């Protein structure tokens, strides 16, 4: 179990998401703050979803 998973309410998926935004230690999470970390996570995954949606739309247009 990693250091982040030892924190309350932090499971494997949350650790993965935190790592995605560059947070790998409890100290980094504390320094960033939970609200900012969550905001960054939402931004990263929002961008990924938008990118995936654009790819699907482009693929569908090519098939026409």
C-alpha atoms as a PDB file:
ATOM      1  CA  UNK A   1       0.000   0.000   0.000  1.00  0.00           C
ATOM      2  CA  UNK A   2       1.353   3.408  -0.979  1.00  0.00           C
ATOM      3  CA  UNK A   3       1.491   6.454   1.255  1.00  0.00           C
ATOM      4  CA  UNK A   4      -1.527   8.111  -0.376  1.00  0.00           C
ATOM      5  CA  UNK A   5      -3.716   5.026   0.136  1.00  0.00           C
ATOM      6  CA  UNK A   6      -3.100   5.247   3.869  1.00  0.00           C
ATOM      7  CA  UNK A   7      -5.021   8.542   3.946  1.00  0.00           C
ATOM      8  CA  UNK A   8      -8.757   8.460   4.745  1.00  0.00           C
ATOM      9  CA  UNK A   9     -11.054   8.081   1.712  1.00  0.00           C
ATOM     10  CA  UNK A  10      -8.175   7.550  -0.741  1.00  0.00           C
ATOM     11  CA  UNK A  11      -8.476   4.318  -2.688  1.00  0.00           C
ATOM     12  CA  UNK A  12      -6.598   2.914  -5.663  1.00  0.00           C
ATOM     13  CA  UNK A  13      -8.601   4.869  -8.249  1.00  0.00           C
ATOM     14  CA  UNK A  14      -8.113   8.163  -6.414  1.00  0.00           C
ATOM     15  CA  UNK A  15      -4.383   7.436  -6.146  1.00  0.00           C
ATOM     16  CA  UNK A  16      -4.306   6.856  -9.919  1.00  0.00           C
ATOM     17  CA  UNK A  17      -6.083  10.156 -10.527  1.00  0.00           C
ATOM     18  CA  UNK A  18      -3.823  12.034  -8.128  1.00  0.00           C
ATOM     19  CA  UNK A  19      -0.769  10.558  -9.820  1.00  0.00           C
ATOM     20  CA  UNK A  20      -2.195  11.749 -13.155  1.00  0.00           C
ATOM     21  CA  UNK A  21      -2.011  15.343 -11.895  1.00  0.00           C
ATOM     22  CA  UNK A  22       1.458  14.867 -10.422  1.00  0.00           C
ATOM     23  CA  UNK A  23       0.556  14.209  -6.789  1.00  0.00           C
ATOM     24  CA  UNK A  24       2.421  11.174  -5.484  1.00  0.00           C
ATOM     25  CA  UNK A  25       2.818  11.877  -1.763  1.00  0.00           C
ATOM     26  CA  UNK A  26       0.579  13.016   1.079  1.00  0.00           C
ATOM     27  CA  UNK A  27       2.814  16.073   1.463  1.00  0.00           C
ATOM     28  CA  UNK A  28       2.163  17.116  -2.133  1.00  0.00           C
ATOM     29  CA  UNK A  29      -1.578  16.665  -1.601  1.00  0.00           C
ATOM     30  CA  UNK A  30      -1.504  18.755   1.563  1.00  0.00           C
ATOM     31  CA  UNK A  31       0.506  21.478  -0.165  1.00  0.00           C
ATOM     32  CA  UNK A  32      -1.923  21.580  -3.106  1.00  0.00           C
ATOM     33  CA  UNK A  33      -5.040  21.270  -0.994  1.00  0.00           C
ATOM     34  CA  UNK A  34      -7.892  18.868  -1.576  1.00  0.00           C
ATOM     35  CA  UNK A  35     -10.119  21.380  -3.393  1.00  0.00           C
ATOM     36  CA  UNK A  36      -7.378  22.318  -5.878  1.00  0.00           C
ATOM     37  CA  UNK A  37      -6.430  18.660  -6.379  1.00  0.00           C
ATOM     38  CA  UNK A  38     -10.034  17.744  -7.147  1.00  0.00           C
ATOM     39  CA  UNK A  39     -10.364  20.705  -9.509  1.00  0.00           C
ATOM     40  CA  UNK A  40      -7.212  19.605 -11.349  1.00  0.00           C
ATOM     41  CA  UNK A  41      -8.482  16.029 -11.595  1.00  0.00           C
ATOM     42  CA  UNK A  42     -11.789  17.226 -13.046  1.00  0.00           C
ATOM     43  CA  UNK A  43      -9.940  19.394 -15.588  1.00  0.00           C
ATOM     44  CA  UNK A  44      -7.665  16.550 -16.727  1.00  0.00           C
ATOM     45  CA  UNK A  45     -10.508  14.113 -17.197  1.00  0.00           C
ATOM     46  CA  UNK A  46     -12.745  16.734 -18.814  1.00  0.00           C
ATOM     47  CA  UNK A  47     -10.009  17.374 -21.396  1.00  0.00           C
ATOM     48  CA  UNK A  48      -9.594  13.627 -21.971  1.00  0.00           C
ATOM     49  CA  UNK A  49     -13.350  13.208 -22.482  1.00  0.00           C
ATOM     50  CA  UNK A  50     -13.471  16.126 -24.933  1.00  0.00           C
ATOM     51  CA  UNK A  51     -10.525  14.712 -26.866  1.00  0.00           C
ATOM     52  CA  UNK A  52     -12.147  11.287 -27.068  1.00  0.00           C
ATOM     53  CA  UNK A  53     -15.423  12.830 -28.225  1.00  0.00           C
ATOM     54  CA  UNK A  54     -13.644  14.756 -30.997  1.00  0.00           C
ATOM     55  CA  UNK A  55     -11.937  11.557 -32.149  1.00  0.00           C
ATOM     56  CA  UNK A  56     -15.269   9.718 -32.328  1.00  0.00           C
ATOM     57  CA  UNK A  57     -16.879  12.568 -34.285  1.00  0.00           C
ATOM     58  CA  UNK A  58     -13.982  12.666 -36.761  1.00  0.00           C
ATOM     59  CA  UNK A  59     -14.187   8.896 -37.225  1.00  0.00           C
ATOM     60  CA  UNK A  60     -17.922   9.045 -37.829  1.00  0.00           C
ATOM     61  CA  UNK A  61     -17.504  11.815 -40.399  1.00  0.00           C
ATOM     62  CA  UNK A  62     -14.909   9.803 -42.304  1.00  0.00           C
ATOM     63  CA  UNK A  63     -17.304   6.849 -42.564  1.00  0.00           C
ATOM     64  CA  UNK A  64     -19.962   8.942 -44.305  1.00  0.00           C
END
